[in-house]
Protein backbone atom coordinates (compact mmCIF):
# COMPACT_ATOMS: atom_id res chain seq x y z
CA MET A 1 64.73 81.65 111.92
CA PRO A 2 65.27 81.58 108.13
CA HIS A 3 68.80 81.93 106.80
CA LEU A 4 69.65 83.59 103.50
CA PRO A 5 71.80 81.62 101.02
CA GLN A 6 75.29 82.87 100.25
CA ILE A 7 75.92 85.35 97.46
CA LYS A 8 78.19 84.05 94.68
CA ILE A 9 80.41 86.67 93.01
CA PRO A 10 82.91 86.15 90.14
CA ALA A 11 86.42 86.91 91.37
CA THR A 12 90.10 86.17 90.79
CA TYR A 13 92.74 85.73 93.48
CA MET A 14 96.03 87.13 92.18
CA ARG A 15 99.56 87.76 93.29
CA GLY A 16 101.01 91.03 92.13
CA GLY A 17 104.61 91.74 93.15
CA THR A 18 104.94 90.90 96.85
CA SER A 19 101.21 91.29 97.54
CA LYS A 20 98.06 89.23 97.00
CA GLY A 21 94.49 90.40 96.56
CA VAL A 22 90.99 89.56 95.38
CA PHE A 23 90.20 91.11 91.98
CA PHE A 24 86.70 91.95 90.74
CA ARG A 25 85.21 93.41 87.59
CA LEU A 26 82.94 96.28 88.64
CA GLN A 27 80.11 94.85 86.54
CA ASP A 28 80.21 91.56 88.47
CA LEU A 29 79.61 93.10 91.89
CA PRO A 30 76.12 93.14 93.38
CA GLU A 31 74.31 96.30 92.29
CA ALA A 32 74.50 97.92 95.72
CA ALA A 33 78.29 97.45 95.75
CA GLN A 34 78.87 98.89 92.29
CA VAL A 35 78.99 102.37 93.80
CA PRO A 36 81.17 103.61 96.69
CA GLY A 37 79.61 103.38 100.12
CA LYS A 38 78.69 101.17 103.04
CA ALA A 39 77.45 98.25 100.93
CA ARG A 40 80.70 98.04 98.97
CA ASP A 41 82.84 98.26 102.11
CA ALA A 42 80.72 95.66 103.90
CA LEU A 43 81.09 93.28 100.98
CA LEU A 44 84.87 93.62 100.73
CA LEU A 45 85.30 93.28 104.49
CA ARG A 46 83.33 90.02 104.45
CA VAL A 47 85.22 88.71 101.41
CA ILE A 48 88.56 89.27 103.12
CA GLY A 49 87.36 88.13 106.57
CA SER A 50 87.45 91.38 108.54
CA PRO A 51 87.18 92.68 111.15
CA ASP A 52 88.77 89.73 112.93
CA PRO A 53 89.58 90.18 116.63
CA TYR A 54 91.77 87.08 116.38
CA GLY A 55 93.85 88.78 113.68
CA LYS A 56 93.87 85.69 111.42
CA GLN A 57 91.13 86.33 108.81
CA ILE A 58 90.27 82.63 108.93
CA ASP A 59 86.74 83.20 107.61
CA GLY A 60 87.82 85.03 104.48
CA MET A 61 90.37 85.37 101.69
CA GLY A 62 92.82 87.51 103.65
CA ALA A 63 96.02 86.08 105.10
CA ALA A 64 96.40 88.33 108.15
CA THR A 65 99.06 90.70 106.78
CA SER A 66 98.85 94.11 105.16
CA SER A 67 100.30 92.54 101.99
CA THR A 68 97.41 90.09 101.65
CA SER A 69 94.40 92.04 102.99
CA LYS A 70 93.72 93.74 99.67
CA THR A 71 90.96 94.13 97.10
CA VAL A 72 90.86 95.52 93.56
CA ILE A 73 87.91 96.65 91.42
CA LEU A 74 88.45 97.14 87.68
CA SER A 75 86.31 98.50 84.88
CA LYS A 76 86.72 99.68 81.30
CA SER A 77 87.87 103.27 81.29
CA GLU A 78 85.98 106.10 79.64
CA ARG A 79 88.90 108.43 80.29
CA PRO A 80 90.67 109.40 77.03
CA GLY A 81 93.97 107.61 76.51
CA HIS A 82 93.28 104.94 79.14
CA ASP A 83 92.16 101.33 78.93
CA VAL A 84 91.07 100.45 82.45
CA ASP A 85 90.12 102.16 85.72
CA TYR A 86 91.80 100.63 88.77
CA LEU A 87 90.40 101.11 92.28
CA PHE A 88 92.30 99.69 95.26
CA GLY A 89 90.89 98.96 98.70
CA GLN A 90 93.20 98.21 101.64
CA VAL A 91 91.11 96.18 104.08
CA SER A 92 91.85 96.57 107.77
CA ILE A 93 92.47 93.27 109.52
CA ASP A 94 91.01 94.00 112.94
CA ARG A 95 88.83 97.06 112.28
CA PRO A 96 85.64 97.45 110.22
CA PHE A 97 86.91 99.77 107.51
CA VAL A 98 88.39 99.80 104.02
CA ASP A 99 91.02 102.46 103.32
CA TRP A 100 90.66 104.00 99.85
CA SER A 101 93.28 106.73 100.36
CA GLY A 102 96.12 105.29 98.27
CA ASN A 103 97.32 102.87 95.64
CA CYS A 104 99.01 99.46 95.85
CA GLY A 105 102.09 99.49 93.62
CA ASN A 106 102.60 95.75 93.87
CA LEU A 107 99.06 94.84 92.79
CA SER A 108 99.40 97.40 89.98
CA SER A 109 101.45 94.74 88.19
CA ALA A 110 98.42 92.40 88.15
CA VAL A 111 95.97 94.98 86.81
CA GLY A 112 97.08 94.74 83.17
CA PRO A 113 97.12 90.92 83.09
CA PHE A 114 93.67 90.73 84.73
CA ALA A 115 92.21 93.36 82.43
CA ILE A 116 93.46 91.57 79.31
CA SER A 117 92.27 88.15 80.47
CA ASN A 118 88.85 89.44 81.50
CA GLY A 119 87.90 91.35 78.36
CA LEU A 120 88.44 94.87 79.67
CA ILE A 121 90.96 95.80 76.95
CA ASP A 122 90.17 96.38 73.29
CA ALA A 123 91.34 93.18 71.60
CA ALA A 124 92.80 95.19 68.73
CA ARG A 125 95.33 96.68 71.16
CA VAL A 126 96.58 93.32 72.41
CA PRO A 127 99.22 91.53 70.30
CA ARG A 128 99.14 87.75 70.01
CA ASP A 129 102.85 87.65 70.81
CA GLY A 130 105.05 90.36 72.24
CA VAL A 131 104.18 93.03 74.80
CA ALA A 132 100.77 94.56 75.40
CA VAL A 133 100.85 98.15 76.62
CA VAL A 134 98.01 98.78 79.07
CA ARG A 135 97.26 102.34 80.16
CA ILE A 136 95.76 102.27 83.65
CA TRP A 137 93.92 105.07 85.41
CA GLN A 138 94.66 104.72 89.16
CA ALA A 139 91.38 106.06 90.51
CA ASN A 140 92.43 106.36 94.17
CA ILE A 141 95.07 109.00 93.48
CA GLY A 142 94.18 110.16 89.98
CA LYS A 143 97.37 109.00 88.25
CA THR A 144 98.37 107.07 85.13
CA ILE A 145 100.29 103.78 85.25
CA VAL A 146 101.55 102.14 82.07
CA ALA A 147 101.96 98.37 82.30
CA HIS A 148 103.98 96.35 79.80
CA VAL A 149 102.45 92.87 79.83
CA PRO A 150 104.12 89.94 78.00
CA MET A 151 101.87 87.95 75.65
CA THR A 152 102.47 84.46 74.23
CA GLY A 153 100.06 82.67 71.90
CA GLY A 154 97.28 85.17 72.51
CA VAL A 155 97.25 84.85 76.30
CA VAL A 156 99.03 86.64 79.09
CA GLN A 157 102.40 85.07 79.82
CA GLU A 158 102.65 84.43 83.56
CA THR A 159 105.61 82.08 83.85
CA GLY A 160 109.19 83.16 83.24
CA ASP A 161 112.62 83.58 84.78
CA PHE A 162 112.23 87.04 86.36
CA GLU A 163 113.13 86.84 90.04
CA LEU A 164 111.79 89.29 92.62
CA ASP A 165 113.10 89.26 96.18
CA GLY A 166 110.18 88.57 98.49
CA VAL A 167 108.54 86.19 96.00
CA THR A 168 109.52 82.53 96.19
CA PHE A 169 109.24 81.50 92.54
CA PRO A 170 110.28 83.23 89.29
CA ALA A 171 107.64 84.48 86.84
CA ALA A 172 107.23 86.71 83.79
CA GLU A 173 108.41 90.30 84.15
CA VAL A 174 105.86 93.12 84.04
CA GLN A 175 107.42 96.56 83.74
CA LEU A 176 105.49 99.45 85.27
CA GLU A 177 105.79 103.14 84.54
CA PHE A 178 104.26 105.42 87.17
CA MET A 179 103.64 108.64 85.25
CA ASP A 180 103.96 111.98 87.05
CA PRO A 181 103.89 110.10 90.36
CA ALA A 182 103.62 113.04 92.76
CA ALA A 183 100.41 112.09 94.56
CA GLU A 184 97.49 114.50 94.67
CA GLU A 185 96.27 113.95 98.21
CA ASP A 186 93.57 115.93 99.99
CA GLY A 187 95.06 119.00 101.59
CA ALA A 188 98.49 118.50 100.07
CA GLY A 189 97.71 120.49 96.95
CA GLY A 190 99.46 117.97 94.73
CA ALA A 191 102.89 119.23 95.80
CA MET A 192 105.68 116.66 95.82
CA PHE A 193 107.01 118.20 99.04
CA PRO A 194 103.88 119.53 100.78
CA THR A 195 105.89 121.41 103.43
CA GLY A 196 108.03 123.06 100.76
CA ASN A 197 111.20 121.51 102.18
CA LEU A 198 113.37 118.54 101.23
CA VAL A 199 114.09 117.94 104.92
CA ASP A 200 112.01 119.11 107.88
CA ASP A 201 112.38 119.05 111.63
CA LEU A 202 109.46 116.88 112.77
CA ASP A 203 108.51 117.22 116.43
CA VAL A 204 107.16 113.96 117.85
CA PRO A 205 106.23 113.93 121.55
CA GLY A 206 108.24 111.30 123.38
CA LEU A 207 110.83 111.12 120.60
CA GLY A 208 111.90 114.73 120.27
CA THR A 209 112.76 116.41 116.97
CA LEU A 210 113.55 114.14 114.04
CA GLN A 211 114.82 115.05 110.60
CA ALA A 212 112.26 113.91 108.05
CA THR A 213 111.75 113.95 104.30
CA MET A 214 108.01 114.02 103.62
CA ILE A 215 107.19 113.35 100.01
CA ASN A 216 104.11 112.74 97.86
CA ALA A 217 105.28 110.38 95.10
CA GLY A 218 103.75 106.99 94.45
CA ILE A 219 102.28 107.22 97.93
CA PRO A 220 102.74 109.84 100.66
CA THR A 221 105.76 108.73 102.70
CA VAL A 222 107.61 110.01 105.75
CA PHE A 223 111.32 109.10 105.68
CA VAL A 224 113.49 109.34 108.79
CA ASN A 225 117.07 108.25 109.53
CA ALA A 226 117.48 104.80 111.07
CA ASP A 227 120.18 105.89 113.52
CA ALA A 228 117.93 108.61 114.94
CA LEU A 229 115.70 105.80 116.20
CA GLY A 230 118.49 103.51 117.35
CA TYR A 231 118.33 101.23 114.30
CA THR A 232 120.90 100.22 111.69
CA GLY A 233 118.56 99.77 108.73
CA THR A 234 119.35 96.03 108.54
CA GLU A 235 116.42 95.00 110.76
CA LEU A 236 114.03 92.22 109.75
CA GLN A 237 110.35 91.95 110.68
CA ASP A 238 110.77 90.26 114.07
CA ALA A 239 112.99 93.07 115.36
CA ILE A 240 110.20 95.60 114.86
CA ASN A 241 106.88 93.76 114.79
CA GLY A 242 107.51 92.00 118.08
CA ASP A 243 108.17 95.31 119.83
CA ALA A 244 104.90 97.02 120.75
CA ALA A 245 106.70 100.14 121.98
CA ALA A 246 108.56 100.47 118.67
CA LEU A 247 105.33 100.14 116.67
CA ALA A 248 103.75 102.84 118.82
CA ARG A 249 106.70 105.14 118.12
CA PHE A 250 106.40 104.59 114.38
CA GLU A 251 102.67 105.26 114.51
CA ALA A 252 103.38 108.52 116.33
CA ILE A 253 105.86 109.52 113.61
CA ARG A 254 103.33 108.59 110.94
CA ALA A 255 100.52 110.56 112.57
CA HIS A 256 102.58 113.71 113.11
CA GLY A 257 103.98 113.41 109.59
CA ALA A 258 100.46 113.12 108.17
CA LEU A 259 99.48 116.28 110.03
CA ARG A 260 102.48 118.21 108.71
CA MET A 261 101.80 116.97 105.18
CA GLY A 262 98.22 118.23 105.33
CA LEU A 263 96.75 114.74 104.89
CA ILE A 264 94.77 115.01 108.13
CA ARG A 265 93.44 117.95 110.11
CA THR A 266 93.82 116.45 113.58
CA LEU A 267 95.96 113.67 115.00
CA ASP A 268 92.84 111.65 115.81
CA GLU A 269 92.16 111.24 112.08
CA ALA A 270 95.33 109.16 111.61
CA ALA A 271 93.65 106.10 113.12
CA SER A 272 91.10 105.99 110.30
CA ARG A 273 93.71 106.57 107.61
CA GLN A 274 96.01 103.60 108.10
CA HIS A 275 97.11 103.10 104.49
CA THR A 276 98.65 106.56 104.08
CA PRO A 277 101.11 108.00 104.69
CA LYS A 278 103.75 105.29 104.96
CA VAL A 279 106.69 105.69 107.33
CA ALA A 280 110.16 104.39 106.46
CA PHE A 281 113.68 104.61 107.84
CA VAL A 282 116.87 104.79 105.79
CA ALA A 283 120.56 104.14 106.32
CA LYS A 284 123.79 103.96 104.37
CA PRO A 285 124.71 100.59 102.81
CA ALA A 286 125.65 97.72 105.11
CA GLY A 287 125.75 93.97 104.69
CA TYR A 288 123.02 91.80 106.20
CA THR A 289 121.24 88.48 105.83
CA ALA A 290 117.78 88.77 104.26
CA SER A 291 114.76 86.91 105.60
CA SER A 292 115.29 84.18 102.99
CA GLY A 293 118.83 83.56 104.24
CA LYS A 294 120.30 85.35 101.20
CA ALA A 295 123.40 87.43 101.95
CA VAL A 296 123.15 91.05 100.82
CA ALA A 297 126.54 92.74 100.55
CA ALA A 298 126.99 96.45 101.20
CA GLY A 299 128.53 96.79 97.74
CA ASP A 300 125.37 95.42 96.10
CA ILE A 301 123.13 98.29 97.24
CA ASP A 302 123.05 102.07 97.35
CA LEU A 303 121.20 102.33 100.66
CA LEU A 304 119.05 100.47 103.18
CA VAL A 305 115.31 101.10 103.56
CA ARG A 306 112.75 99.58 105.90
CA ALA A 307 109.09 100.61 105.63
CA LEU A 308 105.95 100.04 107.66
CA SER A 309 102.52 99.33 106.22
CA MET A 310 99.28 99.19 108.21
CA GLY A 311 101.24 99.41 111.45
CA LYS A 312 103.76 96.63 110.78
CA LEU A 313 107.21 96.40 109.18
CA HIS A 314 106.70 95.17 105.61
CA HIS A 315 108.30 91.86 104.68
CA ALA A 316 109.80 93.40 101.53
CA MET A 317 108.82 96.79 100.09
CA MET A 318 105.49 98.23 99.01
CA GLY A 319 105.53 99.09 95.32
CA THR A 320 104.25 102.61 95.86
CA ALA A 321 106.84 103.18 98.59
CA ALA A 322 109.49 102.00 96.12
CA VAL A 323 108.32 104.80 93.81
CA ALA A 324 108.70 107.24 96.68
CA ILE A 325 112.20 105.87 97.37
CA GLY A 326 113.26 106.17 93.74
CA THR A 327 111.85 109.68 93.47
CA ALA A 328 113.43 110.92 96.71
CA ALA A 329 116.76 109.31 95.78
CA ALA A 330 116.78 111.25 92.51
CA ILE A 331 116.49 114.61 94.30
CA PRO A 332 119.74 115.83 95.89
CA GLY A 333 119.40 116.72 99.55
CA THR A 334 116.60 114.43 100.69
CA LEU A 335 117.37 111.94 103.46
CA VAL A 336 116.98 109.11 100.95
CA ASN A 337 119.40 110.74 98.53
CA LEU A 338 121.93 111.45 101.29
CA ALA A 339 121.78 107.86 102.56
CA ALA A 340 122.55 106.75 99.00
CA GLY A 341 125.64 108.98 98.90
CA GLY A 342 124.12 112.21 97.60
CA GLY A 343 124.36 113.74 94.14
CA ALA A 344 122.23 113.34 91.04
CA ARG A 345 121.03 109.85 90.10
CA GLU A 346 118.33 108.29 87.93
CA ALA A 347 118.19 104.86 89.58
CA VAL A 348 118.84 103.33 92.95
CA ARG A 349 119.12 99.81 94.31
CA PHE A 350 118.08 99.50 97.92
CA GLY A 351 118.15 96.72 100.47
CA HIS A 352 114.89 95.67 102.15
CA PRO A 353 114.08 92.79 104.53
CA SER A 354 113.66 90.24 101.72
CA GLY A 355 116.58 91.33 99.54
CA THR A 356 117.10 94.12 97.03
CA LEU A 357 115.11 96.13 94.52
CA ARG A 358 116.03 98.56 91.78
CA VAL A 359 113.81 101.53 90.91
CA GLY A 360 114.42 104.42 88.55
CA ALA A 361 113.07 107.97 88.44
CA GLN A 362 113.62 111.01 86.25
CA ALA A 363 113.61 114.23 88.29
CA SER A 364 114.13 117.84 87.28
CA GLN A 365 113.55 121.33 88.68
CA VAL A 366 111.03 123.58 86.93
CA ASP A 367 110.69 127.14 88.24
CA GLY A 368 112.30 126.05 91.48
CA GLU A 369 109.90 123.13 92.01
CA TRP A 370 110.97 119.51 91.74
CA GLN A 371 109.07 117.38 89.23
CA VAL A 372 109.32 113.71 88.30
CA THR A 373 108.01 112.68 84.89
CA LYS A 374 107.92 108.98 85.72
CA ALA A 375 109.25 106.25 87.96
CA VAL A 376 109.98 102.78 86.59
CA MET A 377 110.25 99.38 88.22
CA SER A 378 109.62 95.74 87.38
CA ARG A 379 107.29 93.31 89.10
CA SER A 380 105.58 90.03 88.22
CA ALA A 381 102.01 88.79 88.55
CA ARG A 382 100.19 85.48 88.48
CA VAL A 383 96.65 84.16 88.80
CA LEU A 384 96.42 81.93 91.86
CA MET A 385 92.74 81.02 91.65
CA GLU A 386 89.72 82.09 89.66
CA GLY A 387 86.03 81.40 89.98
CA TRP A 388 83.69 82.82 92.62
CA VAL A 389 83.89 84.08 96.17
CA ARG A 390 80.90 83.63 98.46
CA VAL A 391 79.61 85.81 101.25
CA PRO A 392 76.54 85.37 103.49
CA GLY A 393 73.37 86.77 101.96
CA ASP A 394 72.87 89.29 104.74
CA THR A 395 76.25 90.96 104.13
CA LEU A 396 74.86 93.84 102.06
């Protein structure tokens, strides 16, 4: 039988923060994949190498973790006051679907550099030397991100001495501002606390009633206390990811939290919405040894946080979850704020499996409702490879 040749598509493989993904310009995609739908999802699944029953993504660009099974589509923005539209697709490893329900905060740091290097930004707005300010429209959640991208000699500066725990080598710092980060998710009405409470009693069959802070900021996140689950908050990946029963418990918390937050209508829908909400557990500061062997002292952090992404404990911290952490920490009375010692604060440094991270947020009450004008954190980004990806001709 005849076999179709492979399709060749311009693409760039980039690291952004502690994630990696395949970046495309919308205009470079095959025509059928330039609009949302089955053709686009089929293309991205094949690019990444999913679904893979072996869980390795050998026949694609993915690297078999939630941090590396990611895709980004960028285009010039027609939205006033914005330079580029950013669409993020979280590709399932072992299932045939792409989750479009949330943003990737880590890859957000690579959006500005890619957009500048690929002609998506008005050249008049990009300095030859200094810092380019790129206004990004995050299309998944309808929010603005402002990226501050260093420029040297007319090109994006990628190398530097900024160190980020969870990333092996230093690089140039990219500062991100997540503007008005309370996520507008379906059914949540755009409320930062969709239940109306800073802390709720969350009933989870098999676990009982857990205290939970459920917040829409950066990405919808369900926070619970580590000690309520028998953890200390110093756990590394192996302690959680090698325990099937523990992963099932976290998925149950996530599903019931999603239902309470109005993100799903029935528990069955949680299985097809893996990217959101996230579930995380928090604890007061304690010393531990990070996955790199680095010692983290209790006095170096304000609290401990561990978060799960796509059903597994993350090796560091998702960027959007860091926004949720910073926002919740800034609001007195949330579980995150209480773990950090309580009281008003505009920044927090938390310990995660790979080390520490600092994130800031400005919160205030307006007519009894909490609002956050922006959350700020620093990441780095670097091009790993650029050229073309290829997929079999019968993919679309």
